[in-house]
N, C-alpha and C. Protein backbone atom coordinates (compact mmCIF):
# COMPACT_ATOMS: atom_id res chain seq x y z
N UNK A 1 -4.83 3.99 -14.41
CA UNK A 1 -4.59 2.57 -14.57
C UNK A 1 -5.37 2.11 -15.92
N UNK A 2 -4.71 1.34 -16.70
CA UNK A 2 -5.44 0.90 -17.94
C UNK A 2 -6.43 -0.21 -17.47
N UNK A 3 -7.53 -0.01 -18.29
CA UNK A 3 -8.72 -1.07 -17.87
C UNK A 3 -8.23 -2.70 -17.74
N UNK A 4 -7.42 -2.96 -18.65
CA UNK A 4 -6.96 -4.34 -18.71
C UNK A 4 -6.16 -4.69 -17.47
N UNK A 5 -5.27 -3.65 -16.96
CA UNK A 5 -4.46 -4.05 -15.78
C UNK A 5 -5.40 -4.02 -14.61
N UNK A 6 -6.35 -3.16 -14.55
CA UNK A 6 -7.26 -3.22 -13.42
C UNK A 6 -8.00 -4.40 -13.38
N UNK A 7 -8.58 -4.91 -14.37
CA UNK A 7 -9.06 -6.10 -14.59
C UNK A 7 -8.33 -7.36 -13.96
N UNK A 8 -7.11 -7.42 -14.40
CA UNK A 8 -6.04 -8.34 -14.10
C UNK A 8 -5.87 -8.46 -12.56
N UNK A 9 -5.77 -7.30 -12.00
CA UNK A 9 -5.45 -6.83 -10.61
C UNK A 9 -6.73 -7.37 -9.89
N UNK A 10 -7.93 -6.95 -10.26
CA UNK A 10 -9.20 -7.61 -9.57
C UNK A 10 -9.20 -8.81 -9.65
N UNK A 11 -9.07 -9.69 -10.67
CA UNK A 11 -9.15 -10.96 -10.81
C UNK A 11 -8.09 -11.72 -9.76
N UNK A 12 -6.86 -11.36 -9.62
CA UNK A 12 -5.80 -11.76 -8.80
C UNK A 12 -6.33 -11.57 -7.29
N UNK A 13 -6.89 -10.43 -7.07
CA UNK A 13 -7.41 -10.09 -5.66
C UNK A 13 -8.53 -11.14 -5.38
N UNK A 14 -9.41 -11.49 -6.35
CA UNK A 14 -10.32 -12.34 -6.14
C UNK A 14 -9.99 -13.71 -5.95
N UNK A 15 -8.99 -14.11 -6.55
CA UNK A 15 -8.50 -15.45 -6.41
C UNK A 15 -7.90 -15.59 -4.97
N UNK A 16 -7.15 -14.63 -4.63
CA UNK A 16 -6.47 -14.58 -3.28
C UNK A 16 -7.49 -14.85 -2.17
N UNK A 17 -8.58 -14.13 -2.27
CA UNK A 17 -9.66 -14.10 -1.37
C UNK A 17 -10.38 -15.46 -1.43
N UNK A 18 -10.45 -16.05 -2.37
CA UNK A 18 -11.09 -17.42 -2.64
C UNK A 18 -10.15 -18.46 -1.88
N UNK A 19 -8.84 -18.37 -2.12
CA UNK A 19 -7.84 -19.23 -1.50
C UNK A 19 -7.87 -19.14 -0.04
N UNK A 20 -8.00 -17.97 0.40
CA UNK A 20 -8.05 -17.73 2.02
C UNK A 20 -9.36 -18.15 2.53
N UNK A 21 -10.50 -18.05 1.82
CA UNK A 21 -11.80 -18.30 2.31
C UNK A 21 -11.94 -19.89 2.20
N UNK A 22 -11.10 -20.62 1.47
CA UNK A 22 -11.25 -22.14 1.32
C UNK A 22 -10.13 -22.72 2.22
N UNK A 23 -9.43 -22.02 3.19
CA UNK A 23 -8.61 -22.71 3.97
C UNK A 23 -7.19 -22.85 3.40
N UNK A 24 -6.78 -22.12 2.52
CA UNK A 24 -5.56 -22.40 1.83
C UNK A 24 -4.62 -21.28 2.05
N UNK A 25 -4.30 -20.87 3.24
CA UNK A 25 -3.63 -19.70 3.55
C UNK A 25 -2.17 -19.65 2.88
N UNK A 26 -1.50 -20.77 2.83
CA UNK A 26 -0.20 -20.75 2.13
C UNK A 26 -0.13 -20.39 0.73
N UNK A 27 -1.28 -21.03 0.01
CA UNK A 27 -1.41 -20.64 -1.41
C UNK A 27 -1.85 -19.10 -1.58
N UNK A 28 -2.57 -18.59 -0.65
CA UNK A 28 -3.01 -17.25 -0.63
C UNK A 28 -1.85 -16.40 -0.59
N UNK A 29 -1.01 -16.62 0.39
CA UNK A 29 0.20 -15.79 0.58
C UNK A 29 1.03 -15.87 -0.68
N UNK A 30 1.36 -16.95 -1.25
CA UNK A 30 2.18 -17.03 -2.46
C UNK A 30 1.50 -16.29 -3.60
N UNK A 31 0.13 -16.35 -3.78
CA UNK A 31 -0.56 -15.39 -4.82
C UNK A 31 -0.39 -14.13 -4.50
N UNK A 32 -0.47 -13.63 -3.11
CA UNK A 32 -0.25 -12.28 -2.87
C UNK A 32 0.96 -11.79 -3.25
N UNK A 33 2.05 -12.59 -3.02
CA UNK A 33 3.37 -12.20 -3.23
C UNK A 33 3.50 -12.07 -4.84
N UNK A 34 3.00 -12.90 -5.61
CA UNK A 34 2.86 -12.76 -7.04
C UNK A 34 2.27 -11.42 -7.33
N UNK A 35 1.30 -11.07 -6.78
CA UNK A 35 0.50 -9.87 -6.90
C UNK A 35 1.45 -8.63 -6.83
N UNK A 36 2.28 -8.85 -5.58
CA UNK A 36 3.10 -7.79 -5.26
C UNK A 36 4.37 -7.49 -6.30
N UNK A 37 4.69 -8.67 -6.67
CA UNK A 37 5.70 -8.63 -8.06
C UNK A 37 5.17 -7.82 -9.20
N UNK A 38 3.86 -8.43 -9.53
CA UNK A 38 3.35 -7.81 -10.67
C UNK A 38 3.13 -6.14 -10.49
N UNK A 39 2.54 -5.87 -9.24
CA UNK A 39 2.46 -4.23 -9.09
C UNK A 39 3.78 -3.62 -9.16
N UNK A 40 4.89 -4.28 -8.61
CA UNK A 40 6.05 -3.57 -8.40
C UNK A 40 6.63 -3.37 -9.97
N UNK A 41 6.59 -4.41 -10.76
CA UNK A 41 7.14 -4.39 -12.25
C UNK A 41 6.27 -3.27 -12.95
N UNK A 42 5.00 -3.14 -12.72
CA UNK A 42 4.19 -2.27 -13.55
C UNK A 42 4.44 -0.77 -12.98
N UNK A 43 4.60 -0.58 -11.84
CA UNK A 43 5.09 0.65 -11.23
C UNK A 43 6.43 0.97 -11.82
N UNK A 44 7.52 0.27 -11.82
CA UNK A 44 8.74 0.59 -12.37
C UNK A 44 8.69 0.60 -13.97
N UNK A 45 7.83 0.08 -14.52
CA UNK A 45 7.74 0.29 -16.01
C UNK A 45 6.82 1.59 -16.33
N UNK A 46 6.23 2.19 -15.48
CA UNK A 46 5.39 3.32 -15.57
C UNK A 46 3.99 2.90 -16.13
N UNK A 47 3.60 1.86 -16.02
CA UNK A 47 2.26 1.48 -16.37
C UNK A 47 1.23 1.42 -15.44
N UNK A 48 1.77 1.82 -14.16
CA UNK A 48 0.81 1.92 -12.96
C UNK A 48 1.19 3.18 -12.36
N UNK A 49 0.30 4.03 -12.02
CA UNK A 49 0.67 5.24 -11.13
C UNK A 49 1.24 4.91 -9.89
N UNK A 50 2.32 5.50 -9.48
CA UNK A 50 3.03 5.28 -8.20
C UNK A 50 2.05 5.25 -6.99
N UNK A 51 1.19 6.17 -6.97
CA UNK A 51 0.28 6.52 -5.77
C UNK A 51 -0.67 5.21 -5.72
N UNK A 52 -1.11 4.81 -6.77
CA UNK A 52 -2.05 3.41 -6.93
C UNK A 52 -1.27 2.46 -6.46
N UNK A 53 -0.24 2.11 -7.10
CA UNK A 53 0.71 1.18 -6.76
C UNK A 53 1.15 0.90 -5.29
N UNK A 54 1.31 2.24 -4.57
CA UNK A 54 1.73 1.94 -3.25
C UNK A 54 0.36 1.50 -2.30
N UNK A 55 -0.80 2.00 -2.79
CA UNK A 55 -2.00 1.61 -2.12
C UNK A 55 -2.20 0.22 -2.29
N UNK A 56 -2.00 -0.45 -3.28
CA UNK A 56 -2.20 -1.73 -3.63
C UNK A 56 -1.15 -2.54 -2.78
N UNK A 57 -0.01 -2.12 -2.69
CA UNK A 57 1.15 -2.78 -2.17
C UNK A 57 0.85 -2.82 -0.50
N UNK A 58 0.41 -1.61 -0.07
CA UNK A 58 0.08 -1.50 1.32
C UNK A 58 -0.97 -2.50 1.79
N UNK A 59 -2.15 -2.65 0.79
CA UNK A 59 -3.13 -3.56 1.13
C UNK A 59 -2.70 -5.02 1.15
N UNK A 60 -1.85 -5.24 0.09
CA UNK A 60 -1.40 -6.63 0.06
C UNK A 60 -0.44 -7.09 1.38
N UNK A 61 0.23 -6.09 1.75
CA UNK A 61 1.11 -6.43 2.92
C UNK A 61 0.22 -6.63 4.04
N UNK A 62 -1.08 -5.85 4.21
CA UNK A 62 -1.84 -6.23 5.24
C UNK A 62 -2.47 -7.60 5.17
N UNK A 63 -2.91 -8.09 3.88
CA UNK A 63 -3.19 -9.32 3.53
C UNK A 63 -2.30 -10.49 4.00
N UNK A 64 -1.17 -10.18 3.71
CA UNK A 64 -0.20 -11.30 4.09
C UNK A 64 -0.07 -11.34 5.70
N UNK A 65 -0.11 -10.14 6.27
CA UNK A 65 -0.11 -10.20 7.90
C UNK A 65 -1.33 -10.92 8.35
N UNK A 66 -2.50 -10.75 7.86
CA UNK A 66 -3.56 -11.40 8.40
C UNK A 66 -3.65 -12.70 8.03
N UNK A 67 -3.09 -13.18 6.82
CA UNK A 67 -3.13 -14.61 6.42
C UNK A 67 -2.21 -15.44 7.56
N UNK A 68 -1.00 -14.68 7.98
CA UNK A 68 -0.15 -15.38 8.81
C UNK A 68 -0.84 -15.65 10.26
N UNK A 69 -1.91 -14.94 10.54
CA UNK A 69 -2.53 -15.12 11.76
C UNK A 69 -3.62 -16.55 11.77
N UNK A 70 -3.90 -16.86 10.51
CA UNK A 70 -4.75 -18.05 10.46
C UNK A 70 -4.07 -19.32 10.95
N UNK A 71 -4.87 -20.16 11.59
CA UNK A 71 -4.32 -21.32 12.11
C UNK A 71 -3.91 -22.25 11.01
N UNK A 72 -2.80 -22.93 11.18
CA UNK A 72 -2.34 -23.95 10.07
C UNK A 72 -2.61 -25.30 10.63
N UNK A 73 -2.87 -26.30 9.53
CA UNK A 73 -3.11 -27.62 10.06
C UNK A 73 -1.81 -28.10 10.66
N UNK A 74 -2.06 -29.04 11.80
CA UNK A 74 -0.89 -29.47 12.51
C UNK A 74 -0.13 -30.56 11.61
N UNK A 75 1.01 -30.73 11.72
CA UNK A 75 1.65 -31.77 10.96
C UNK A 75 1.16 -33.32 11.08
N UNK A 76 0.43 -33.41 12.24
CA UNK A 76 -0.03 -34.82 12.52
C UNK A 76 -1.27 -35.07 11.90
N UNK A 77 -2.11 -33.92 11.45
CA UNK A 77 -3.26 -34.03 10.73
C UNK A 77 -2.97 -34.53 9.14
N UNK A 78 -3.71 -35.38 8.75
CA UNK A 78 -3.42 -35.92 7.51
C UNK A 78 -4.70 -35.98 6.61
N UNK A 79 -4.54 -35.52 5.40
CA UNK A 79 -5.71 -35.58 4.55
C UNK A 79 -5.91 -36.84 3.77
N UNK A 80 -5.04 -37.75 4.00
CA UNK A 80 -5.10 -39.12 3.15
C UNK A 80 -6.17 -39.93 4.09
N UNK A 81 -6.81 -40.97 3.29
CA UNK A 81 -7.66 -41.82 4.04
C UNK A 81 -6.91 -42.78 4.93
N UNK A 82 -7.68 -43.35 6.06
CA UNK A 82 -6.91 -44.13 6.88
C UNK A 82 -6.60 -45.41 6.27
N UNK A 83 -5.61 -46.21 6.80
CA UNK A 83 -5.20 -47.39 6.16
C UNK A 83 -6.43 -48.50 6.41
N UNK A 84 -6.37 -49.35 5.54
CA UNK A 84 -7.48 -50.46 5.63
C UNK A 84 -7.30 -51.12 7.01
N UNK A 85 -8.44 -51.80 7.60
CA UNK A 85 -8.18 -52.55 8.83
C UNK A 85 -7.31 -53.73 8.56
N UNK A 86 -6.62 -54.03 9.75
CA UNK A 86 -5.76 -55.26 9.54
C UNK A 86 -6.59 -56.44 9.75
N UNK A 87 -6.26 -57.55 9.17
CA UNK A 87 -7.05 -59.02 9.33
C UNK A 87 -6.57 -59.34 10.79
N UNK A 88 -7.50 -59.93 11.27
CA UNK A 88 -7.19 -60.64 12.65
C UNK A 88 -7.31 -62.07 12.54
N UNK A 89 -6.61 -62.81 13.52
CA UNK A 89 -6.46 -64.26 13.49
C UNK A 89 -7.94 -64.90 13.31
N UNK A 90 -7.81 -66.00 12.61
CA UNK A 90 -9.09 -66.69 12.17
C UNK A 90 -9.87 -66.45 11.00
N UNK A 91 -9.33 -65.31 10.36
CA UNK A 91 -10.08 -64.97 8.98
C UNK A 91 -9.25 -65.39 7.85
N UNK A 92 -8.08 -65.96 8.07
CA UNK A 92 -7.26 -66.64 6.87
C UNK A 92 -7.82 -67.89 6.28
N UNK A 93 -7.42 -68.06 5.05
CA UNK A 93 -8.09 -69.30 4.31
C UNK A 93 -7.68 -70.69 5.01
N UNK A 94 -6.73 -70.86 5.62
CA UNK A 94 -6.34 -72.12 6.35
C UNK A 94 -6.61 -72.28 7.81
N UNK A 95 -6.98 -71.04 8.40
CA UNK A 95 -7.27 -71.04 9.76
C UNK A 95 -8.31 -71.69 10.19
N UNK A 96 -8.25 -72.51 11.39
CA UNK A 96 -9.43 -73.12 11.81
C UNK A 96 -9.80 -74.52 11.20
N UNK A 97 -9.08 -74.84 10.26
CA UNK A 97 -9.39 -76.18 9.50
C UNK A 97 -8.78 -77.33 10.23
N UNK A 98 -7.78 -77.18 11.05
CA UNK A 98 -7.06 -78.30 11.59
C UNK A 98 -5.84 -78.69 10.92
N UNK A 99 -5.49 -78.11 9.83
CA UNK A 99 -4.42 -78.46 8.96
C UNK A 99 -3.14 -77.51 9.11
N UNK A 100 -2.08 -77.78 8.68
CA UNK A 100 -0.81 -77.03 8.85
C UNK A 100 0.11 -77.64 10.10
N UNK A 101 0.67 -76.65 10.54
CA UNK A 101 1.63 -76.96 11.66
C UNK A 101 1.39 -76.26 12.87
N UNK A 102 1.74 -76.86 14.01
CA UNK A 102 1.49 -76.36 15.20
C UNK A 102 2.76 -75.31 15.65
N UNK A 103 2.68 -74.74 16.79
CA UNK A 103 3.86 -73.73 17.06
C UNK A 103 5.05 -74.38 17.13
N UNK A 104 5.28 -75.71 17.41
CA UNK A 104 6.52 -76.32 17.30
C UNK A 104 7.14 -76.82 16.02
N UNK A 105 6.28 -76.60 15.06
CA UNK A 105 6.43 -76.87 13.63
C UNK A 105 6.18 -78.40 13.24
N UNK A 106 5.41 -79.04 14.25
CA UNK A 106 5.07 -80.50 13.83
C UNK A 106 3.70 -80.40 13.16
N UNK A 107 3.26 -81.41 12.23
CA UNK A 107 2.11 -81.49 11.61
C UNK A 107 0.95 -81.65 12.58
N UNK A 108 -0.01 -80.94 12.33
CA UNK A 108 -1.11 -80.93 13.20
C UNK A 108 -2.34 -81.53 12.44
N UNK A 109 -3.13 -82.25 13.09
CA UNK A 109 -4.23 -82.69 12.43
C UNK A 109 -5.48 -82.34 13.07
N UNK A 110 -5.54 -81.37 13.99
CA UNK A 110 -6.77 -80.83 14.62
C UNK A 110 -7.54 -81.72 15.57
N UNK A 111 -6.87 -82.84 15.86
CA UNK A 111 -7.40 -83.82 16.87
C UNK A 111 -6.70 -83.85 18.15
N UNK A 112 -5.86 -82.73 18.61
CA UNK A 112 -5.12 -83.05 19.62
C UNK A 112 -5.94 -82.50 20.98
């Protein structure tokens, strides 16, 4: 295997490992599938020895199987921040000053 190809493959494997270790199994699987495509293409073009390519593909298959075993976040879990707290009665600008309308729509003066 050419040194440049070996370095490329090693870098891709390291990136896959980082994705898996940082809790990104979906991205790790996608990167592993890209690696499989690269290895397959290099084997077909003769730039990668068949025996070495098959070893890499077998190892990649194991990685995909193991990543499938990792727990996935539930759909109800959210990474977005919670909504701001709602304002409660009594905190508005005109609340509690005795001006405005009562529930029946009549003018109120706060002296009832």
